Amino acid sequence: MLLQTTSLRFAHPGQSRISFPDFSLAGEEALLLLGKSGSGKTTFLNLLAGLLLPNQGQVLLDGVVLSALQGHRMDLFRGQNIGIVFQKPHLIAALTVKQNLELGQFLSKKKGSSPLSLLQDLGIASKASAAVGTLSEGEAQRVSIARALVNTPKLILADEPTSSLDDEHAQRVITLLKTQAAKIGAALVIVTHDQRVKSEVSQVLELKSA
């Protein structure tokens, strides 16, 4: 298995401990992590990304226990192996679309995919030299996906990628994520409260509100 979680537990300060179900994913497999507000979806995503350390249990990615990595080692490992599609695009306004992707490769010290080829795959090659502030919401989201994919990660995490989209565009984004993940052999975890996505992903894990 490429990704595996075991007995994960986490508690934010002053809050009750959350227990998360175990799961495992192979490369090219997709999982939908579904739950309402307050169910711990974002916490689970942050644990999978190594942004939070569990109070108990472990996340294993390609044989590496994330909690065993600290500081710069964790940052570098994340940059090389985990691509995150945030709910709101985290792009640097002073850079062009292509430069945003190149910066991701520079920081991770990994060559990864060709930014221009990736933008071509996502249908936005014409925006390579555009300032990110000139992009439409849909274009910015595709650039965010490209930014997550540019280092050919082993794991792609997508946080609420369809929450602000109509039915047609929501389906397109999920299809795009699945296609690109399969192309590079990555595992894909989509975290959302959007029930429409259930029909697009065969493996579904539902979190119950605490």
N, C-alpha and C. Protein backbone atom coordinates (compact mmCIF):
# COMPACT_ATOMS: atom_id res chain seq x y z
N MET A 1 0.83 -1.20 0.00
CA MET A 1 0.00 0.00 0.00
C MET A 1 0.87 1.26 0.00
N LEU A 2 0.45 2.25 -0.74
CA LEU A 2 1.19 3.50 -0.80
C LEU A 2 0.91 4.37 0.42
N LEU A 3 -0.36 4.42 0.83
CA LEU A 3 -0.77 5.24 1.97
C LEU A 3 -1.55 4.39 2.95
N GLN A 4 -1.21 4.51 4.23
CA GLN A 4 -1.90 3.72 5.25
C GLN A 4 -1.97 4.51 6.55
N THR A 5 -3.13 4.49 7.19
CA THR A 5 -3.27 5.11 8.50
C THR A 5 -3.63 4.04 9.52
N THR A 6 -3.11 4.21 10.73
CA THR A 6 -3.35 3.23 11.79
C THR A 6 -3.64 3.93 13.10
N SER A 7 -4.82 3.69 13.66
CA SER A 7 -5.20 4.13 15.02
C SER A 7 -4.96 5.62 15.25
N LEU A 8 -5.29 6.46 14.27
CA LEU A 8 -5.04 7.89 14.41
C LEU A 8 -5.98 8.52 15.44
N ARG A 9 -5.39 9.29 16.34
CA ARG A 9 -6.14 10.05 17.35
C ARG A 9 -5.53 11.44 17.43
N PHE A 10 -6.40 12.44 17.59
CA PHE A 10 -5.89 13.80 17.73
C PHE A 10 -6.88 14.63 18.52
N ALA A 11 -6.34 15.54 19.35
CA ALA A 11 -7.18 16.46 20.11
C ALA A 11 -6.60 17.86 20.01
N HIS A 12 -7.42 18.80 19.56
CA HIS A 12 -7.03 20.20 19.61
C HIS A 12 -7.11 20.67 21.06
N PRO A 13 -6.30 21.65 21.44
CA PRO A 13 -6.32 22.14 22.83
C PRO A 13 -7.72 22.50 23.31
N GLY A 14 -8.10 21.93 24.44
CA GLY A 14 -9.40 22.23 25.03
C GLY A 14 -10.57 21.54 24.38
N GLN A 15 -10.31 20.64 23.42
CA GLN A 15 -11.39 19.94 22.73
C GLN A 15 -11.28 18.44 22.93
N SER A 16 -12.36 17.74 22.65
CA SER A 16 -12.38 16.29 22.79
C SER A 16 -11.49 15.62 21.75
N ARG A 17 -10.98 14.47 22.09
CA ARG A 17 -10.13 13.74 21.16
C ARG A 17 -10.98 13.15 20.03
N ILE A 18 -10.45 13.23 18.83
CA ILE A 18 -11.11 12.65 17.65
C ILE A 18 -10.38 11.37 17.27
N SER A 19 -11.14 10.30 17.04
CA SER A 19 -10.58 9.04 16.57
C SER A 19 -10.94 8.87 15.09
N PHE A 20 -9.95 8.55 14.28
CA PHE A 20 -10.16 8.44 12.84
C PHE A 20 -10.08 6.98 12.40
N PRO A 21 -10.92 6.59 11.44
CA PRO A 21 -10.89 5.20 10.95
C PRO A 21 -9.62 4.90 10.16
N ASP A 22 -9.18 3.66 10.24
CA ASP A 22 -8.02 3.22 9.47
C ASP A 22 -8.41 3.06 8.00
N PHE A 23 -7.48 3.34 7.11
CA PHE A 23 -7.70 3.04 5.70
C PHE A 23 -6.35 2.89 5.01
N SER A 24 -6.37 2.33 3.82
CA SER A 24 -5.14 2.20 3.02
C SER A 24 -5.49 2.42 1.56
N LEU A 25 -4.52 2.95 0.82
CA LEU A 25 -4.70 3.23 -0.60
C LEU A 25 -3.45 2.84 -1.37
N ALA A 26 -3.64 2.26 -2.54
CA ALA A 26 -2.53 1.99 -3.44
C ALA A 26 -2.40 3.17 -4.41
N GLY A 27 -1.30 3.21 -5.15
CA GLY A 27 -1.14 4.22 -6.19
C GLY A 27 -2.25 4.12 -7.20
N GLU A 28 -2.72 5.25 -7.71
CA GLU A 28 -3.79 5.38 -8.69
C GLU A 28 -5.18 5.13 -8.10
N GLU A 29 -5.27 4.82 -6.80
CA GLU A 29 -6.57 4.67 -6.16
C GLU A 29 -7.04 6.01 -5.59
N ALA A 30 -8.36 6.18 -5.53
CA ALA A 30 -8.93 7.42 -4.99
C ALA A 30 -9.86 7.11 -3.84
N LEU A 31 -9.87 8.00 -2.85
CA LEU A 31 -10.73 7.87 -1.69
C LEU A 31 -11.45 9.19 -1.46
N LEU A 32 -12.74 9.12 -1.20
CA LEU A 32 -13.52 10.30 -0.83
C LEU A 32 -13.72 10.28 0.68
N LEU A 33 -13.24 11.32 1.34
CA LEU A 33 -13.40 11.47 2.78
C LEU A 33 -14.52 12.48 3.00
N LEU A 34 -15.68 11.97 3.41
CA LEU A 34 -16.89 12.76 3.45
C LEU A 34 -17.29 13.04 4.90
N GLY A 35 -17.72 14.26 5.17
CA GLY A 35 -18.17 14.57 6.52
C GLY A 35 -18.70 15.99 6.62
N LYS A 36 -19.60 16.20 7.56
CA LYS A 36 -20.17 17.52 7.78
C LYS A 36 -19.18 18.39 8.54
N SER A 37 -19.50 19.66 8.65
CA SER A 37 -18.68 20.58 9.42
C SER A 37 -18.57 20.09 10.86
N GLY A 38 -17.36 20.08 11.40
CA GLY A 38 -17.15 19.62 12.76
C GLY A 38 -16.84 18.15 12.90
N SER A 39 -16.80 17.43 11.77
CA SER A 39 -16.54 15.99 11.82
C SER A 39 -15.05 15.67 11.87
N GLY A 40 -14.19 16.67 11.66
CA GLY A 40 -12.75 16.44 11.72
C GLY A 40 -12.09 16.27 10.37
N LYS A 41 -12.78 16.64 9.29
CA LYS A 41 -12.22 16.46 7.94
C LYS A 41 -10.90 17.19 7.77
N THR A 42 -10.90 18.47 8.14
CA THR A 42 -9.69 19.27 7.95
C THR A 42 -8.56 18.76 8.83
N THR A 43 -8.87 18.33 10.03
CA THR A 43 -7.85 17.75 10.92
C THR A 43 -7.27 16.50 10.29
N PHE A 44 -8.13 15.65 9.74
CA PHE A 44 -7.66 14.42 9.10
C PHE A 44 -6.75 14.75 7.92
N LEU A 45 -7.15 15.72 7.10
CA LEU A 45 -6.32 16.12 5.96
C LEU A 45 -4.96 16.62 6.44
N ASN A 46 -4.95 17.42 7.49
CA ASN A 46 -3.68 17.96 8.01
C ASN A 46 -2.80 16.86 8.58
N LEU A 47 -3.39 15.82 9.14
CA LEU A 47 -2.61 14.68 9.61
C LEU A 47 -2.01 13.92 8.43
N LEU A 48 -2.79 13.73 7.37
CA LEU A 48 -2.30 13.04 6.18
C LEU A 48 -1.19 13.82 5.49
N ALA A 49 -1.23 15.15 5.61
CA ALA A 49 -0.23 16.01 4.98
C ALA A 49 1.00 16.21 5.85
N GLY A 50 0.97 15.71 7.08
CA GLY A 50 2.09 15.94 7.99
C GLY A 50 2.12 17.34 8.55
N LEU A 51 1.01 18.07 8.42
CA LEU A 51 0.93 19.42 8.97
C LEU A 51 0.57 19.39 10.45
N LEU A 52 -0.03 18.29 10.90
CA LEU A 52 -0.28 18.03 12.31
C LEU A 52 0.32 16.68 12.68
N LEU A 53 0.78 16.55 13.90
CA LEU A 53 1.28 15.27 14.40
C LEU A 53 0.20 14.62 15.26
N PRO A 54 -0.10 13.35 15.04
CA PRO A 54 -1.15 12.69 15.82
C PRO A 54 -0.74 12.51 17.29
N ASN A 55 -1.73 12.52 18.17
CA ASN A 55 -1.46 12.17 19.57
C ASN A 55 -1.22 10.68 19.71
N GLN A 56 -1.78 9.93 18.77
CA GLN A 56 -1.63 8.48 18.78
C GLN A 56 -1.77 7.96 17.36
N GLY A 57 -1.12 6.83 17.06
CA GLY A 57 -1.23 6.25 15.74
C GLY A 57 -0.24 6.85 14.75
N GLN A 58 -0.37 6.44 13.48
CA GLN A 58 0.60 6.92 12.50
C GLN A 58 0.02 6.95 11.09
N VAL A 59 0.63 7.81 10.28
CA VAL A 59 0.38 7.87 8.84
C VAL A 59 1.63 7.37 8.15
N LEU A 60 1.48 6.38 7.29
CA LEU A 60 2.60 5.78 6.57
C LEU A 60 2.44 6.09 5.09
N LEU A 61 3.39 6.79 4.51
CA LEU A 61 3.37 7.11 3.08
C LEU A 61 4.60 6.56 2.41
N ASP A 62 4.40 5.59 1.54
CA ASP A 62 5.50 4.96 0.80
C ASP A 62 6.59 4.46 1.75
N GLY A 63 6.16 3.87 2.86
CA GLY A 63 7.09 3.27 3.82
C GLY A 63 7.66 4.23 4.84
N VAL A 64 7.29 5.51 4.78
CA VAL A 64 7.82 6.51 5.70
C VAL A 64 6.73 6.91 6.70
N VAL A 65 7.06 6.85 7.98
CA VAL A 65 6.15 7.31 9.03
C VAL A 65 6.29 8.82 9.15
N LEU A 66 5.22 9.56 8.85
CA LEU A 66 5.31 11.01 8.79
C LEU A 66 5.71 11.63 10.12
N SER A 67 5.22 11.09 11.21
CA SER A 67 5.52 11.67 12.52
C SER A 67 6.98 11.50 12.93
N ALA A 68 7.72 10.67 12.18
CA ALA A 68 9.15 10.49 12.48
C ALA A 68 9.98 11.61 11.85
N LEU A 69 9.36 12.39 10.97
CA LEU A 69 10.06 13.49 10.32
C LEU A 69 9.77 14.79 11.06
N GLN A 70 10.76 15.64 11.18
CA GLN A 70 10.60 16.89 11.90
C GLN A 70 11.13 18.07 11.08
N GLY A 71 10.54 19.24 11.30
CA GLY A 71 11.07 20.47 10.74
C GLY A 71 11.33 20.44 9.25
N HIS A 72 12.57 20.78 8.87
CA HIS A 72 12.94 20.89 7.46
C HIS A 72 12.78 19.55 6.74
N ARG A 73 13.07 18.45 7.43
CA ARG A 73 12.94 17.13 6.79
C ARG A 73 11.49 16.86 6.40
N MET A 74 10.54 17.24 7.27
CA MET A 74 9.13 17.05 6.96
C MET A 74 8.71 17.98 5.82
N ASP A 75 9.16 19.22 5.85
CA ASP A 75 8.82 20.18 4.80
C ASP A 75 9.31 19.69 3.44
N LEU A 76 10.55 19.20 3.40
CA LEU A 76 11.12 18.72 2.14
C LEU A 76 10.39 17.47 1.65
N PHE A 77 10.11 16.56 2.58
CA PHE A 77 9.39 15.32 2.21
C PHE A 77 8.00 15.67 1.67
N ARG A 78 7.33 16.59 2.33
CA ARG A 78 5.99 17.00 1.88
C ARG A 78 6.08 17.63 0.49
N GLY A 79 7.04 18.51 0.28
CA GLY A 79 7.18 19.17 -1.01
C GLY A 79 7.44 18.21 -2.14
N GLN A 80 8.13 17.12 -1.85
CA GLN A 80 8.49 16.16 -2.89
C GLN A 80 7.45 15.07 -3.10
N ASN A 81 6.63 14.81 -2.09
CA ASN A 81 5.77 13.62 -2.14
C ASN A 81 4.28 13.87 -1.95
N ILE A 82 3.90 15.07 -1.50
CA ILE A 82 2.49 15.35 -1.22
C ILE A 82 2.07 16.63 -1.94
N GLY A 83 1.05 16.53 -2.75
CA GLY A 83 0.49 17.70 -3.42
C GLY A 83 -0.85 18.04 -2.81
N ILE A 84 -1.04 19.30 -2.41
CA ILE A 84 -2.28 19.71 -1.73
C ILE A 84 -3.02 20.73 -2.60
N VAL A 85 -4.28 20.42 -2.90
CA VAL A 85 -5.16 21.37 -3.58
C VAL A 85 -6.03 22.00 -2.50
N PHE A 86 -5.72 23.23 -2.13
CA PHE A 86 -6.45 23.90 -1.06
C PHE A 86 -7.79 24.41 -1.57
N GLN A 87 -8.72 24.63 -0.64
CA GLN A 87 -10.04 25.13 -0.99
C GLN A 87 -9.94 26.49 -1.68
N LYS A 88 -9.06 27.34 -1.19
CA LYS A 88 -8.76 28.63 -1.82
C LYS A 88 -7.35 28.56 -2.39
N PRO A 89 -7.16 28.89 -3.67
CA PRO A 89 -5.82 28.79 -4.28
C PRO A 89 -4.77 29.58 -3.51
N HIS A 90 -3.68 28.92 -3.15
CA HIS A 90 -2.57 29.58 -2.47
C HIS A 90 -1.49 29.88 -3.50
N LEU A 91 -1.70 30.96 -4.25
CA LEU A 91 -0.78 31.35 -5.31
C LEU A 91 -0.17 32.70 -4.98
N ILE A 92 1.04 32.94 -5.47
CA ILE A 92 1.74 34.19 -5.19
C ILE A 92 1.43 35.20 -6.29
N ALA A 93 0.76 36.29 -5.88
CA ALA A 93 0.23 37.25 -6.85
C ALA A 93 1.32 37.93 -7.68
N ALA A 94 2.53 38.07 -7.12
CA ALA A 94 3.60 38.77 -7.82
C ALA A 94 4.23 37.92 -8.93
N LEU A 95 3.88 36.64 -9.00
CA LEU A 95 4.46 35.74 -9.99
C LEU A 95 3.43 35.37 -11.05
N THR A 96 3.93 34.99 -12.22
CA THR A 96 3.04 34.48 -13.26
C THR A 96 2.61 33.06 -12.90
N VAL A 97 1.69 32.53 -13.68
CA VAL A 97 1.23 31.16 -13.48
C VAL A 97 2.41 30.18 -13.55
N LYS A 98 3.19 30.27 -14.59
CA LYS A 98 4.33 29.37 -14.76
C LYS A 98 5.36 29.53 -13.64
N GLN A 99 5.59 30.75 -13.22
CA GLN A 99 6.55 30.99 -12.14
C GLN A 99 6.08 30.41 -10.81
N ASN A 100 4.78 30.40 -10.57
CA ASN A 100 4.25 29.79 -9.36
C ASN A 100 4.57 28.29 -9.33
N LEU A 101 4.46 27.64 -10.49
CA LEU A 101 4.77 26.22 -10.57
C LEU A 101 6.27 25.98 -10.42
N GLU A 102 7.07 26.83 -11.06
CA GLU A 102 8.53 26.68 -10.98
C GLU A 102 9.03 26.91 -9.56
N LEU A 103 8.39 27.81 -8.83
CA LEU A 103 8.78 28.05 -7.44
C LEU A 103 8.56 26.80 -6.60
N GLY A 104 7.45 26.11 -6.84
CA GLY A 104 7.19 24.86 -6.11
C GLY A 104 8.28 23.83 -6.35
N GLN A 105 8.76 23.75 -7.57
CA GLN A 105 9.84 22.80 -7.88
C GLN A 105 11.15 23.24 -7.24
N PHE A 106 11.41 24.53 -7.24
CA PHE A 106 12.64 25.05 -6.65
C PHE A 106 12.69 24.76 -5.14
N LEU A 107 11.59 25.01 -4.46
CA LEU A 107 11.56 24.83 -3.01
C LEU A 107 11.67 23.35 -2.61
N SER A 108 11.15 22.47 -3.45
CA SER A 108 11.18 21.04 -3.11
C SER A 108 12.44 20.34 -3.60
N LYS A 109 13.25 21.08 -4.40
CA LYS A 109 14.48 20.49 -4.95
C LYS A 109 14.16 19.24 -5.79
N LYS A 110 13.05 19.28 -6.51
CA LYS A 110 12.63 18.14 -7.32
C LYS A 110 12.21 18.63 -8.69
N LYS A 111 12.69 17.98 -9.73
CA LYS A 111 12.39 18.42 -11.09
C LYS A 111 10.92 18.23 -11.43
N GLY A 112 10.37 17.06 -11.15
CA GLY A 112 8.96 16.81 -11.39
C GLY A 112 8.55 16.91 -12.84
N SER A 113 7.33 17.38 -13.05
CA SER A 113 6.77 17.50 -14.40
C SER A 113 7.14 18.84 -15.03
N SER A 114 7.05 18.90 -16.34
CA SER A 114 7.23 20.17 -17.05
C SER A 114 6.03 21.06 -16.77
N PRO A 115 6.24 22.26 -16.21
CA PRO A 115 5.10 23.14 -15.94
C PRO A 115 4.25 23.41 -17.17
N LEU A 116 4.89 23.65 -18.32
CA LEU A 116 4.13 23.95 -19.52
C LEU A 116 3.30 22.75 -19.99
N SER A 117 3.89 21.55 -19.90
CA SER A 117 3.15 20.35 -20.30
C SER A 117 1.95 20.13 -19.39
N LEU A 118 2.14 20.37 -18.11
CA LEU A 118 1.07 20.20 -17.14
C LEU A 118 -0.06 21.21 -17.38
N LEU A 119 0.30 22.44 -17.66
CA LEU A 119 -0.71 23.45 -17.97
C LEU A 119 -1.46 23.09 -19.25
N GLN A 120 -0.75 22.49 -20.18
CA GLN A 120 -1.38 22.04 -21.42
C GLN A 120 -2.41 20.95 -21.12
N ASP A 121 -2.03 19.99 -20.27
CA ASP A 121 -2.95 18.91 -19.89
C ASP A 121 -4.22 19.45 -19.24
N LEU A 122 -4.06 20.53 -18.48
CA LEU A 122 -5.19 21.10 -17.75
C LEU A 122 -5.95 22.15 -18.57
N GLY A 123 -5.52 22.35 -19.81
CA GLY A 123 -6.24 23.26 -20.69
C GLY A 123 -6.03 24.73 -20.43
N ILE A 124 -4.92 25.10 -19.78
CA ILE A 124 -4.67 26.51 -19.48
C ILE A 124 -3.25 26.92 -19.88
N ALA A 125 -2.69 26.29 -20.91
CA ALA A 125 -1.34 26.64 -21.36
C ALA A 125 -1.26 28.10 -21.80
N SER A 126 -2.36 28.63 -22.29
CA SER A 126 -2.37 30.03 -22.75
C SER A 126 -2.21 31.02 -21.60
N LYS A 127 -2.36 30.54 -20.37
CA LYS A 127 -2.27 31.41 -19.20
C LYS A 127 -0.89 31.33 -18.52
N ALA A 128 0.06 30.65 -19.13
CA ALA A 128 1.36 30.43 -18.50
C ALA A 128 2.04 31.74 -18.08
N SER A 129 1.93 32.76 -18.91
CA SER A 129 2.60 34.03 -18.62
C SER A 129 1.69 35.06 -17.97
N ALA A 130 0.47 34.65 -17.64
CA ALA A 130 -0.49 35.57 -17.05
C ALA A 130 -0.24 35.77 -15.56
N ALA A 131 -0.57 36.95 -15.08
CA ALA A 131 -0.53 37.21 -13.64
C ALA A 131 -1.71 36.48 -13.01
N VAL A 132 -1.49 35.87 -11.83
CA VAL A 132 -2.55 35.06 -11.24
C VAL A 132 -3.78 35.91 -10.89
N GLY A 133 -3.59 37.22 -10.68
CA GLY A 133 -4.71 38.08 -10.35
C GLY A 133 -5.68 38.29 -11.50
N THR A 134 -5.27 37.92 -12.70
CA THR A 134 -6.14 38.09 -13.88
C THR A 134 -6.94 36.84 -14.19
N LEU A 135 -6.75 35.77 -13.41
CA LEU A 135 -7.41 34.50 -13.70
C LEU A 135 -8.85 34.49 -13.18
N SER A 136 -9.69 33.74 -13.87
CA SER A 136 -11.04 33.49 -13.37
C SER A 136 -10.95 32.49 -12.22
N GLU A 137 -12.05 32.31 -11.50
CA GLU A 137 -12.04 31.36 -10.38
C GLU A 137 -11.71 29.95 -10.86
N GLY A 138 -12.30 29.55 -11.99
CA GLY A 138 -12.03 28.22 -12.52
C GLY A 138 -10.59 28.05 -12.96
N GLU A 139 -10.04 29.09 -13.60
CA GLU A 139 -8.64 29.04 -14.04
C GLU A 139 -7.70 28.97 -12.84
N ALA A 140 -7.99 29.77 -11.81
CA ALA A 140 -7.15 29.75 -10.61
C ALA A 140 -7.17 28.38 -9.94
N GLN A 141 -8.32 27.73 -9.97
CA GLN A 141 -8.41 26.41 -9.38
C GLN A 141 -7.58 25.40 -10.17
N ARG A 142 -7.57 25.52 -11.49
CA ARG A 142 -6.77 24.61 -12.31
C ARG A 142 -5.27 24.86 -12.08
N VAL A 143 -4.91 26.11 -11.89
CA VAL A 143 -3.51 26.40 -11.57
C VAL A 143 -3.16 25.81 -10.20
N SER A 144 -4.08 25.87 -9.26
CA SER A 144 -3.86 25.27 -7.95
C SER A 144 -3.65 23.76 -8.07
N ILE A 145 -4.43 23.13 -8.94
CA ILE A 145 -4.25 21.70 -9.20
C ILE A 145 -2.89 21.44 -9.83
N ALA A 146 -2.51 22.28 -10.81
CA ALA A 146 -1.20 22.14 -11.45
C ALA A 146 -0.08 22.29 -10.43
N ARG A 147 -0.23 23.26 -9.53
CA ARG A 147 0.77 23.48 -8.49
C ARG A 147 0.92 22.25 -7.60
N ALA A 148 -0.19 21.57 -7.32
CA ALA A 148 -0.15 20.37 -6.50
C ALA A 148 0.48 19.19 -7.23
N LEU A 149 0.39 19.19 -8.56
CA LEU A 149 0.85 18.06 -9.36
C LEU A 149 2.27 18.22 -9.89
N VAL A 150 2.81 19.44 -9.87
CA VAL A 150 4.03 19.73 -10.61
C VAL A 150 5.24 18.93 -10.11
N ASN A 151 5.23 18.51 -8.87
CA ASN A 151 6.35 17.72 -8.35
C ASN A 151 6.10 16.22 -8.42
N THR A 152 5.13 15.82 -9.25
CA THR A 152 4.72 14.42 -9.40
C THR A 152 4.66 13.72 -8.03
N PRO A 153 3.76 14.19 -7.16
CA PRO A 153 3.69 13.63 -5.80
C PRO A 153 3.16 12.20 -5.79
N LYS A 154 3.43 11.51 -4.70
CA LYS A 154 2.88 10.17 -4.49
C LYS A 154 1.46 10.24 -3.94
N LEU A 155 1.13 11.36 -3.27
CA LEU A 155 -0.18 11.54 -2.66
C LEU A 155 -0.72 12.92 -3.02
N ILE A 156 -1.97 12.97 -3.48
CA ILE A 156 -2.65 14.23 -3.76
C ILE A 156 -3.80 14.37 -2.77
N LEU A 157 -3.84 15.49 -2.06
CA LEU A 157 -4.90 15.79 -1.11
C LEU A 157 -5.69 16.98 -1.64
N ALA A 158 -6.99 16.83 -1.81
CA ALA A 158 -7.83 17.92 -2.32
C ALA A 158 -8.85 18.30 -1.26
N ASP A 159 -8.78 19.55 -0.81
CA ASP A 159 -9.65 20.05 0.27
C ASP A 159 -10.83 20.82 -0.31
N GLU A 160 -12.02 20.25 -0.22
CA GLU A 160 -13.26 20.89 -0.69
C GLU A 160 -13.12 21.47 -2.11
N PRO A 161 -12.67 20.66 -3.08
CA PRO A 161 -12.40 21.22 -4.42
C PRO A 161 -13.64 21.61 -5.20
N THR A 162 -14.84 21.18 -4.74
CA THR A 162 -16.06 21.45 -5.51
C THR A 162 -17.06 22.32 -4.76
N SER A 163 -16.70 22.81 -3.59
CA SER A 163 -17.69 23.46 -2.72
C SER A 163 -18.34 24.70 -3.33
N SER A 164 -17.61 25.40 -4.20
CA SER A 164 -18.16 26.63 -4.78
C SER A 164 -18.54 26.47 -6.25
N LEU A 165 -18.64 25.23 -6.72
CA LEU A 165 -18.87 24.98 -8.14
C LEU A 165 -20.26 24.43 -8.41
N ASP A 166 -20.79 24.72 -9.61
CA ASP A 166 -22.06 24.11 -10.01
C ASP A 166 -21.82 22.65 -10.39
N ASP A 167 -22.89 21.92 -10.67
CA ASP A 167 -22.79 20.48 -10.89
C ASP A 167 -21.83 20.12 -12.02
N GLU A 168 -21.94 20.84 -13.14
CA GLU A 168 -21.11 20.53 -14.31
C GLU A 168 -19.63 20.73 -14.01
N HIS A 169 -19.28 21.86 -13.41
CA HIS A 169 -17.88 22.14 -13.14
C HIS A 169 -17.34 21.27 -12.00
N ALA A 170 -18.20 20.91 -11.06
CA ALA A 170 -17.79 20.01 -9.98
C ALA A 170 -17.37 18.66 -10.54
N GLN A 171 -18.16 18.14 -11.47
CA GLN A 171 -17.83 16.86 -12.09
C GLN A 171 -16.53 16.95 -12.89
N ARG A 172 -16.34 18.06 -13.58
CA ARG A 172 -15.12 18.24 -14.37
C ARG A 172 -13.87 18.23 -13.48
N VAL A 173 -13.96 18.93 -12.35
CA VAL A 173 -12.81 19.01 -11.45
C VAL A 173 -12.47 17.65 -10.87
N ILE A 174 -13.46 16.88 -10.45
CA ILE A 174 -13.21 15.55 -9.89
C ILE A 174 -12.61 14.64 -10.95
N THR A 175 -13.15 14.69 -12.16
CA THR A 175 -12.60 13.89 -13.26
C THR A 175 -11.16 14.27 -13.54
N LEU A 176 -10.89 15.58 -13.52
CA LEU A 176 -9.54 16.09 -13.75
C LEU A 176 -8.57 15.57 -12.69
N LEU A 177 -8.98 15.63 -11.44
CA LEU A 177 -8.13 15.14 -10.35
C LEU A 177 -7.85 13.65 -10.49
N LYS A 178 -8.89 12.87 -10.77
CA LYS A 178 -8.71 11.42 -10.90
C LYS A 178 -7.81 11.08 -12.08
N THR A 179 -8.02 11.75 -13.21
CA THR A 179 -7.22 11.49 -14.41
C THR A 179 -5.75 11.80 -14.19
N GLN A 180 -5.49 12.97 -13.59
CA GLN A 180 -4.10 13.38 -13.38
C GLN A 180 -3.42 12.50 -12.32
N ALA A 181 -4.15 12.11 -11.29
CA ALA A 181 -3.57 11.22 -10.27
C ALA A 181 -3.19 9.88 -10.89
N ALA A 182 -4.08 9.33 -11.71
CA ALA A 182 -3.80 8.06 -12.37
C ALA A 182 -2.61 8.18 -13.32
N LYS A 183 -2.49 9.32 -13.96
CA LYS A 183 -1.41 9.53 -14.94
C LYS A 183 -0.03 9.45 -14.28
N ILE A 184 0.08 9.95 -13.04
CA ILE A 184 1.39 9.94 -12.36
C ILE A 184 1.48 8.84 -11.30
N GLY A 185 0.42 7.99 -11.21
CA GLY A 185 0.45 6.88 -10.27
C GLY A 185 0.30 7.27 -8.82
N ALA A 186 -0.36 8.40 -8.57
CA ALA A 186 -0.52 8.90 -7.20
C ALA A 186 -1.82 8.41 -6.57
N ALA A 187 -1.82 8.31 -5.25
CA ALA A 187 -3.05 8.09 -4.51
C ALA A 187 -3.75 9.44 -4.36
N LEU A 188 -5.07 9.44 -4.39
CA LEU A 188 -5.85 10.67 -4.32
C LEU A 188 -6.84 10.60 -3.17
N VAL A 189 -6.82 11.60 -2.30
CA VAL A 189 -7.80 11.72 -1.22
C VAL A 189 -8.52 13.04 -1.37
N ILE A 190 -9.84 12.98 -1.55
CA ILE A 190 -10.66 14.17 -1.68
C ILE A 190 -11.45 14.35 -0.38
N VAL A 191 -11.28 15.48 0.26
CA VAL A 191 -11.94 15.77 1.53
C VAL A 191 -13.04 16.79 1.28
N THR A 192 -14.28 16.44 1.61
CA THR A 192 -15.38 17.35 1.29
C THR A 192 -16.63 17.04 2.12
N HIS A 193 -17.55 17.99 2.12
CA HIS A 193 -18.90 17.76 2.67
C HIS A 193 -19.90 17.63 1.52
N ASP A 194 -19.41 17.77 0.28
CA ASP A 194 -20.25 17.82 -0.91
C ASP A 194 -20.73 16.41 -1.30
N GLN A 195 -21.99 16.13 -1.03
CA GLN A 195 -22.55 14.80 -1.31
C GLN A 195 -22.57 14.46 -2.79
N ARG A 196 -22.50 15.48 -3.68
CA ARG A 196 -22.53 15.22 -5.12
C ARG A 196 -21.33 14.39 -5.57
N VAL A 197 -20.24 14.43 -4.82
CA VAL A 197 -19.00 13.78 -5.25
C VAL A 197 -19.06 12.27 -5.03
N LYS A 198 -20.01 11.81 -4.23
CA LYS A 198 -20.09 10.38 -3.91
C LYS A 198 -20.17 9.50 -5.15
N SER A 199 -20.87 9.97 -6.16
CA SER A 199 -21.04 9.16 -7.37
C SER A 199 -19.80 9.15 -8.24
N GLU A 200 -18.82 10.00 -7.93
CA GLU A 200 -17.62 10.12 -8.77
C GLU A 200 -16.44 9.32 -8.25
N VAL A 201 -16.50 8.87 -6.99
CA VAL A 201 -15.39 8.13 -6.38
C VAL A 201 -15.93 6.84 -5.77
N SER A 202 -15.30 5.72 -6.11
CA SER A 202 -15.85 4.42 -5.69
C SER A 202 -15.63 4.13 -4.21
N GLN A 203 -14.50 4.59 -3.66
CA GLN A 203 -14.21 4.35 -2.24
C GLN A 203 -14.59 5.59 -1.42
N VAL A 204 -15.49 5.40 -0.46
CA VAL A 204 -15.99 6.51 0.35
C VAL A 204 -15.83 6.18 1.83
N LEU A 205 -15.29 7.13 2.58
CA LEU A 205 -15.13 6.99 4.03
C LEU A 205 -15.86 8.18 4.65
N GLU A 206 -16.87 7.90 5.46
CA GLU A 206 -17.64 8.98 6.06
C GLU A 206 -17.25 9.19 7.51
N LEU A 207 -16.97 10.45 7.85
CA LEU A 207 -16.66 10.82 9.22
C LEU A 207 -17.94 11.32 9.88
N LYS A 208 -18.17 10.89 11.09
CA LYS A 208 -19.34 11.32 11.84
C LYS A 208 -18.96 12.48 12.75
N SER A 209 -19.85 13.44 12.88
CA SER A 209 -19.59 14.59 13.75
C SER A 209 -19.43 14.14 15.18
N ALA A 210 -18.45 14.80 15.87
CA ALA A 210 -18.20 14.40 17.26
C ALA A 210 -19.39 14.79 18.14
